[in-house]
Amino acid sequence: MVEFKKFADFPRGTLYDILADAYSYDERNRQIWDENWKETDDFFYDNPEIADKYSLVTCLDGDKIAKIEVLSHNETAGVSDPAFAAIPDAIIAANSTEIDAVTGATKTSEALIAAVNDALAQIQK
């Protein structure tokens, strides 16, 4: 199954919910990052011209994550490249989004992981 949606296709609060859920294993994460997650969510919904530059395709083979392809992004070349190179492969290898962010590209890593979590949630509905 293949799912493709632009960020703006989801209601305000979706990114916040994904981040809160992804880091719910330790309540300290919410205490530390909650305001940042809200600001990130608001930023994307208040700036759809930026949000819609993030597009993602996620493919499942049964219950296995088979392919992740970033179709477009507007991240800074060089800085974000390690995340785009490593995160999709790491998710596929682990068959999970419970992976570590790439050092030096943490925000890009978190955005990719959040996008895959959202795509998986939409596919599995």
N, C-alpha and C. Protein backbone atom coordinates (compact mmCIF):
# COMPACT_ATOMS: atom_id res chain seq x y z
N MET A 1 0.84 -1.16 0.00
CA MET A 1 0.00 0.00 0.00
C MET A 1 0.89 1.24 0.00
N VAL A 2 0.54 2.24 -0.76
CA VAL A 2 1.30 3.48 -0.85
C VAL A 2 0.42 4.63 -0.41
N GLU A 3 0.97 5.51 0.38
CA GLU A 3 0.24 6.67 0.86
C GLU A 3 1.09 7.91 0.60
N PHE A 4 0.51 8.93 0.02
CA PHE A 4 1.18 10.20 -0.23
C PHE A 4 0.26 11.33 0.15
N LYS A 5 0.70 12.16 1.05
CA LYS A 5 -0.07 13.33 1.43
C LYS A 5 0.88 14.47 1.73
N LYS A 6 0.44 15.66 1.42
CA LYS A 6 1.19 16.84 1.81
C LYS A 6 0.86 17.15 3.26
N PHE A 7 1.77 17.81 3.91
CA PHE A 7 1.62 18.14 5.33
C PHE A 7 0.33 18.89 5.60
N ALA A 8 0.00 19.84 4.73
CA ALA A 8 -1.19 20.67 4.94
C ALA A 8 -2.50 19.90 4.79
N ASP A 9 -2.44 18.65 4.33
CA ASP A 9 -3.65 17.83 4.21
C ASP A 9 -4.15 17.34 5.57
N PHE A 10 -3.35 17.52 6.60
CA PHE A 10 -3.71 17.05 7.93
C PHE A 10 -4.14 18.22 8.81
N PRO A 11 -4.99 17.99 9.78
CA PRO A 11 -5.46 19.08 10.63
C PRO A 11 -4.37 19.60 11.57
N ARG A 12 -4.52 20.87 11.95
CA ARG A 12 -3.61 21.47 12.93
C ARG A 12 -3.56 20.57 14.16
N GLY A 13 -2.38 20.38 14.69
CA GLY A 13 -2.20 19.55 15.87
C GLY A 13 -1.68 18.15 15.55
N THR A 14 -1.70 17.77 14.28
CA THR A 14 -1.25 16.43 13.89
C THR A 14 0.22 16.22 14.22
N LEU A 15 1.08 17.17 13.85
CA LEU A 15 2.51 17.03 14.12
C LEU A 15 2.75 16.98 15.62
N TYR A 16 2.08 17.84 16.35
CA TYR A 16 2.22 17.82 17.81
C TYR A 16 1.85 16.45 18.37
N ASP A 17 0.72 15.91 17.94
CA ASP A 17 0.26 14.60 18.41
C ASP A 17 1.27 13.51 18.08
N ILE A 18 1.85 13.56 16.89
CA ILE A 18 2.84 12.56 16.49
C ILE A 18 4.07 12.65 17.37
N LEU A 19 4.57 13.86 17.57
CA LEU A 19 5.77 14.02 18.40
C LEU A 19 5.50 13.60 19.84
N ALA A 20 4.36 14.01 20.38
CA ALA A 20 4.03 13.63 21.76
C ALA A 20 3.93 12.11 21.90
N ASP A 21 3.32 11.46 20.91
CA ASP A 21 3.19 10.01 20.96
C ASP A 21 4.55 9.32 20.79
N ALA A 22 5.34 9.81 19.86
CA ALA A 22 6.64 9.19 19.58
C ALA A 22 7.57 9.22 20.79
N TYR A 23 7.43 10.26 21.60
CA TYR A 23 8.32 10.40 22.75
C TYR A 23 7.61 10.13 24.07
N SER A 24 6.47 9.45 24.03
CA SER A 24 5.68 9.21 25.23
C SER A 24 6.29 8.15 26.15
N TYR A 25 7.32 7.48 25.68
CA TYR A 25 7.95 6.44 26.51
C TYR A 25 8.60 7.03 27.76
N ASP A 26 8.85 8.35 27.78
CA ASP A 26 9.46 8.99 28.94
C ASP A 26 8.79 10.35 29.14
N GLU A 27 8.04 10.50 30.22
CA GLU A 27 7.28 11.73 30.47
C GLU A 27 8.17 12.97 30.51
N ARG A 28 9.45 12.78 30.82
CA ARG A 28 10.37 13.94 30.84
C ARG A 28 10.46 14.60 29.47
N ASN A 29 10.28 13.82 28.41
CA ASN A 29 10.32 14.41 27.07
C ASN A 29 9.24 15.47 26.91
N ARG A 30 8.04 15.15 27.34
CA ARG A 30 6.94 16.13 27.22
C ARG A 30 7.25 17.36 28.07
N GLN A 31 7.78 17.16 29.26
CA GLN A 31 8.11 18.29 30.13
C GLN A 31 9.16 19.20 29.49
N ILE A 32 10.11 18.62 28.81
CA ILE A 32 11.19 19.39 28.21
C ILE A 32 10.79 19.99 26.87
N TRP A 33 10.09 19.22 26.03
CA TRP A 33 9.89 19.59 24.64
C TRP A 33 8.49 20.04 24.26
N ASP A 34 7.54 19.96 25.17
CA ASP A 34 6.15 20.23 24.83
C ASP A 34 5.95 21.56 24.10
N GLU A 35 6.50 22.63 24.63
CA GLU A 35 6.32 23.95 24.00
C GLU A 35 6.95 23.99 22.61
N ASN A 36 8.11 23.34 22.45
CA ASN A 36 8.76 23.29 21.14
C ASN A 36 7.91 22.55 20.13
N TRP A 37 7.28 21.45 20.56
CA TRP A 37 6.42 20.69 19.65
C TRP A 37 5.24 21.53 19.20
N LYS A 38 4.64 22.29 20.13
CA LYS A 38 3.51 23.15 19.78
C LYS A 38 3.95 24.23 18.79
N GLU A 39 5.12 24.82 19.04
CA GLU A 39 5.63 25.87 18.15
C GLU A 39 5.92 25.31 16.76
N THR A 40 6.47 24.11 16.69
CA THR A 40 6.76 23.48 15.40
C THR A 40 5.47 23.21 14.65
N ASP A 41 4.50 22.66 15.33
CA ASP A 41 3.20 22.39 14.72
C ASP A 41 2.58 23.69 14.20
N ASP A 42 2.56 24.71 15.04
CA ASP A 42 2.00 26.00 14.63
C ASP A 42 2.76 26.59 13.44
N PHE A 43 4.07 26.48 13.46
CA PHE A 43 4.88 27.03 12.38
C PHE A 43 4.47 26.44 11.03
N PHE A 44 4.35 25.12 10.98
CA PHE A 44 4.01 24.49 9.70
C PHE A 44 2.60 24.83 9.25
N TYR A 45 1.67 24.92 10.18
CA TYR A 45 0.29 25.25 9.79
C TYR A 45 0.11 26.72 9.47
N ASP A 46 0.96 27.57 10.05
CA ASP A 46 0.89 29.00 9.76
C ASP A 46 1.69 29.36 8.51
N ASN A 47 2.48 28.42 8.00
CA ASN A 47 3.33 28.65 6.83
C ASN A 47 3.16 27.50 5.83
N PRO A 48 1.97 27.37 5.23
CA PRO A 48 1.72 26.23 4.34
C PRO A 48 2.66 26.20 3.13
N GLU A 49 3.17 27.36 2.73
CA GLU A 49 4.10 27.37 1.59
C GLU A 49 5.40 26.62 1.93
N ILE A 50 5.73 26.56 3.21
CA ILE A 50 6.89 25.78 3.65
C ILE A 50 6.47 24.34 3.90
N ALA A 51 5.37 24.16 4.59
CA ALA A 51 4.91 22.82 4.95
C ALA A 51 4.70 21.95 3.72
N ASP A 52 4.15 22.51 2.65
CA ASP A 52 3.86 21.72 1.47
C ASP A 52 5.10 21.36 0.65
N LYS A 53 6.25 21.84 1.08
CA LYS A 53 7.49 21.43 0.41
C LYS A 53 7.99 20.10 0.95
N TYR A 54 7.34 19.60 2.01
CA TYR A 54 7.68 18.30 2.56
C TYR A 54 6.69 17.29 2.04
N SER A 55 7.17 16.35 1.28
CA SER A 55 6.32 15.30 0.74
C SER A 55 7.01 13.97 1.00
N LEU A 56 6.21 12.95 1.25
CA LEU A 56 6.77 11.67 1.64
C LEU A 56 5.90 10.56 1.10
N VAL A 57 6.56 9.50 0.65
CA VAL A 57 5.86 8.29 0.25
C VAL A 57 6.33 7.16 1.16
N THR A 58 5.40 6.43 1.73
CA THR A 58 5.71 5.29 2.57
C THR A 58 5.00 4.07 1.98
N CYS A 59 5.72 2.97 1.83
CA CYS A 59 5.14 1.74 1.28
C CYS A 59 5.24 0.63 2.31
N LEU A 60 4.17 -0.12 2.45
CA LEU A 60 4.16 -1.28 3.33
C LEU A 60 4.06 -2.55 2.51
N ASP A 61 4.74 -3.58 2.97
CA ASP A 61 4.63 -4.91 2.40
C ASP A 61 4.09 -5.78 3.53
N GLY A 62 2.77 -5.89 3.61
CA GLY A 62 2.15 -6.52 4.76
C GLY A 62 2.32 -5.61 5.95
N ASP A 63 2.97 -6.09 7.01
CA ASP A 63 3.23 -5.26 8.18
C ASP A 63 4.65 -4.72 8.18
N LYS A 64 5.38 -4.96 7.13
CA LYS A 64 6.78 -4.54 7.04
C LYS A 64 6.89 -3.23 6.26
N ILE A 65 7.70 -2.31 6.78
CA ILE A 65 7.97 -1.07 6.06
C ILE A 65 8.93 -1.41 4.93
N ALA A 66 8.48 -1.24 3.70
CA ALA A 66 9.26 -1.69 2.55
C ALA A 66 10.04 -0.58 1.86
N LYS A 67 9.51 0.63 1.88
CA LYS A 67 10.18 1.71 1.16
C LYS A 67 9.74 3.05 1.73
N ILE A 68 10.70 3.95 1.84
CA ILE A 68 10.43 5.33 2.22
C ILE A 68 11.18 6.19 1.23
N GLU A 69 10.46 7.06 0.58
CA GLU A 69 11.10 7.93 -0.41
C GLU A 69 10.68 9.37 -0.13
N VAL A 70 11.67 10.22 0.09
CA VAL A 70 11.41 11.64 0.27
C VAL A 70 11.34 12.25 -1.13
N LEU A 71 10.17 12.73 -1.49
CA LEU A 71 9.96 13.26 -2.83
C LEU A 71 10.42 14.70 -2.96
N SER A 72 10.29 15.45 -1.90
CA SER A 72 10.75 16.83 -1.94
C SER A 72 10.95 17.33 -0.52
N HIS A 73 11.80 18.33 -0.39
CA HIS A 73 12.02 18.99 0.90
C HIS A 73 12.66 20.34 0.65
N ASN A 74 12.69 21.13 1.68
CA ASN A 74 13.27 22.47 1.57
C ASN A 74 14.30 22.69 2.66
N GLU A 75 14.99 21.63 3.04
CA GLU A 75 16.01 21.72 4.08
C GLU A 75 17.31 22.25 3.50
N THR A 76 18.17 22.71 4.37
CA THR A 76 19.47 23.23 3.95
C THR A 76 20.36 22.09 3.50
N ALA A 77 20.78 22.16 2.23
CA ALA A 77 21.68 21.13 1.68
C ALA A 77 22.94 21.07 2.52
N GLY A 78 23.48 19.89 2.66
CA GLY A 78 24.68 19.70 3.45
C GLY A 78 24.36 19.40 4.89
N VAL A 79 23.59 20.27 5.53
CA VAL A 79 23.23 20.08 6.94
C VAL A 79 22.26 18.92 7.08
N SER A 80 21.27 18.88 6.22
CA SER A 80 20.22 17.86 6.34
C SER A 80 20.54 16.57 5.59
N ASP A 81 21.52 16.60 4.71
CA ASP A 81 21.82 15.44 3.87
C ASP A 81 22.04 14.15 4.66
N PRO A 82 22.79 14.18 5.78
CA PRO A 82 22.98 12.92 6.52
C PRO A 82 21.67 12.30 6.99
N ALA A 83 20.70 13.12 7.39
CA ALA A 83 19.41 12.58 7.84
C ALA A 83 18.66 11.95 6.67
N PHE A 84 18.63 12.62 5.52
CA PHE A 84 17.93 12.07 4.37
C PHE A 84 18.59 10.78 3.88
N ALA A 85 19.89 10.66 4.08
CA ALA A 85 20.60 9.45 3.67
C ALA A 85 20.38 8.30 4.65
N ALA A 86 20.32 8.60 5.94
CA ALA A 86 20.33 7.55 6.95
C ALA A 86 18.96 7.16 7.50
N ILE A 87 18.09 8.12 7.73
CA ILE A 87 16.84 7.84 8.44
C ILE A 87 15.93 6.85 7.71
N PRO A 88 15.64 7.04 6.42
CA PRO A 88 14.76 6.06 5.76
C PRO A 88 15.31 4.63 5.85
N ASP A 89 16.61 4.46 5.60
CA ASP A 89 17.20 3.12 5.67
C ASP A 89 17.16 2.55 7.08
N ALA A 90 17.38 3.41 8.07
CA ALA A 90 17.35 2.94 9.46
C ALA A 90 15.94 2.49 9.86
N ILE A 91 14.93 3.22 9.41
CA ILE A 91 13.54 2.85 9.71
C ILE A 91 13.20 1.52 9.06
N ILE A 92 13.59 1.36 7.81
CA ILE A 92 13.31 0.12 7.09
C ILE A 92 14.03 -1.06 7.77
N ALA A 93 15.30 -0.87 8.12
CA ALA A 93 16.08 -1.94 8.76
C ALA A 93 15.48 -2.34 10.10
N ALA A 94 15.01 -1.37 10.86
CA ALA A 94 14.42 -1.65 12.17
C ALA A 94 12.94 -2.03 12.07
N ASN A 95 12.35 -1.78 10.90
CA ASN A 95 10.91 -1.92 10.70
C ASN A 95 10.16 -1.18 11.82
N SER A 96 10.72 -0.02 12.15
CA SER A 96 10.19 0.79 13.25
C SER A 96 10.72 2.21 13.12
N THR A 97 9.98 3.14 13.67
CA THR A 97 10.46 4.52 13.73
C THR A 97 11.14 4.82 15.06
N GLU A 98 11.27 3.80 15.89
CA GLU A 98 11.96 3.96 17.17
C GLU A 98 13.47 3.85 16.92
N ILE A 99 14.01 4.88 16.30
CA ILE A 99 15.44 4.92 15.96
C ILE A 99 16.03 6.23 16.46
N ASP A 100 17.35 6.30 16.46
CA ASP A 100 18.03 7.51 16.90
C ASP A 100 18.09 8.53 15.77
N ALA A 101 18.03 9.81 16.14
CA ALA A 101 18.21 10.89 15.17
C ALA A 101 19.67 10.94 14.75
N VAL A 102 19.91 11.53 13.60
CA VAL A 102 21.27 11.71 13.10
C VAL A 102 21.87 12.93 13.79
N THR A 103 23.03 12.76 14.41
CA THR A 103 23.71 13.87 15.07
C THR A 103 24.00 14.97 14.06
N GLY A 104 23.68 16.19 14.43
CA GLY A 104 23.90 17.33 13.55
C GLY A 104 22.73 17.61 12.63
N ALA A 105 21.79 16.69 12.56
CA ALA A 105 20.59 16.87 11.73
C ALA A 105 19.38 16.38 12.51
N THR A 106 19.33 16.75 13.78
CA THR A 106 18.29 16.25 14.67
C THR A 106 16.89 16.67 14.24
N LYS A 107 16.71 17.93 13.92
CA LYS A 107 15.37 18.41 13.54
C LYS A 107 14.89 17.74 12.25
N THR A 108 15.79 17.60 11.27
CA THR A 108 15.42 16.92 10.03
C THR A 108 15.09 15.47 10.31
N SER A 109 15.88 14.82 11.15
CA SER A 109 15.62 13.43 11.52
C SER A 109 14.25 13.30 12.17
N GLU A 110 13.96 14.18 13.12
CA GLU A 110 12.68 14.13 13.82
C GLU A 110 11.51 14.39 12.86
N ALA A 111 11.71 15.30 11.91
CA ALA A 111 10.66 15.58 10.94
C ALA A 111 10.39 14.37 10.06
N LEU A 112 11.45 13.69 9.63
CA LEU A 112 11.29 12.49 8.81
C LEU A 112 10.58 11.38 9.60
N ILE A 113 11.01 11.17 10.82
CA ILE A 113 10.40 10.14 11.66
C ILE A 113 8.92 10.47 11.90
N ALA A 114 8.63 11.72 12.19
CA ALA A 114 7.23 12.13 12.41
C ALA A 114 6.40 11.93 11.15
N ALA A 115 6.97 12.24 9.99
CA ALA A 115 6.24 12.08 8.73
C ALA A 115 5.95 10.61 8.46
N VAL A 116 6.91 9.75 8.73
CA VAL A 116 6.69 8.31 8.53
C VAL A 116 5.65 7.80 9.53
N ASN A 117 5.74 8.24 10.78
CA ASN A 117 4.72 7.83 11.78
C ASN A 117 3.33 8.22 11.31
N ASP A 118 3.21 9.42 10.79
CA ASP A 118 1.91 9.87 10.34
C ASP A 118 1.43 9.07 9.14
N ALA A 119 2.33 8.83 8.19
CA ALA A 119 1.95 8.03 7.01
C ALA A 119 1.52 6.63 7.42
N LEU A 120 2.24 6.03 8.36
CA LEU A 120 1.88 4.68 8.82
C LEU A 120 0.53 4.69 9.52
N ALA A 121 0.29 5.71 10.32
CA ALA A 121 -1.01 5.80 11.01
C ALA A 121 -2.15 5.93 9.99
N GLN A 122 -1.93 6.69 8.94
CA GLN A 122 -2.96 6.86 7.91
C GLN A 122 -3.19 5.57 7.12
N ILE A 123 -2.11 4.87 6.82
CA ILE A 123 -2.21 3.63 6.05
C ILE A 123 -2.94 2.55 6.86
N GLN A 124 -2.67 2.49 8.15
CA GLN A 124 -3.21 1.42 8.98
C GLN A 124 -4.64 1.67 9.44
N LYS A 125 -5.24 2.80 9.06
CA LYS A 125 -6.63 3.08 9.43
C LYS A 125 -7.58 2.22 8.65
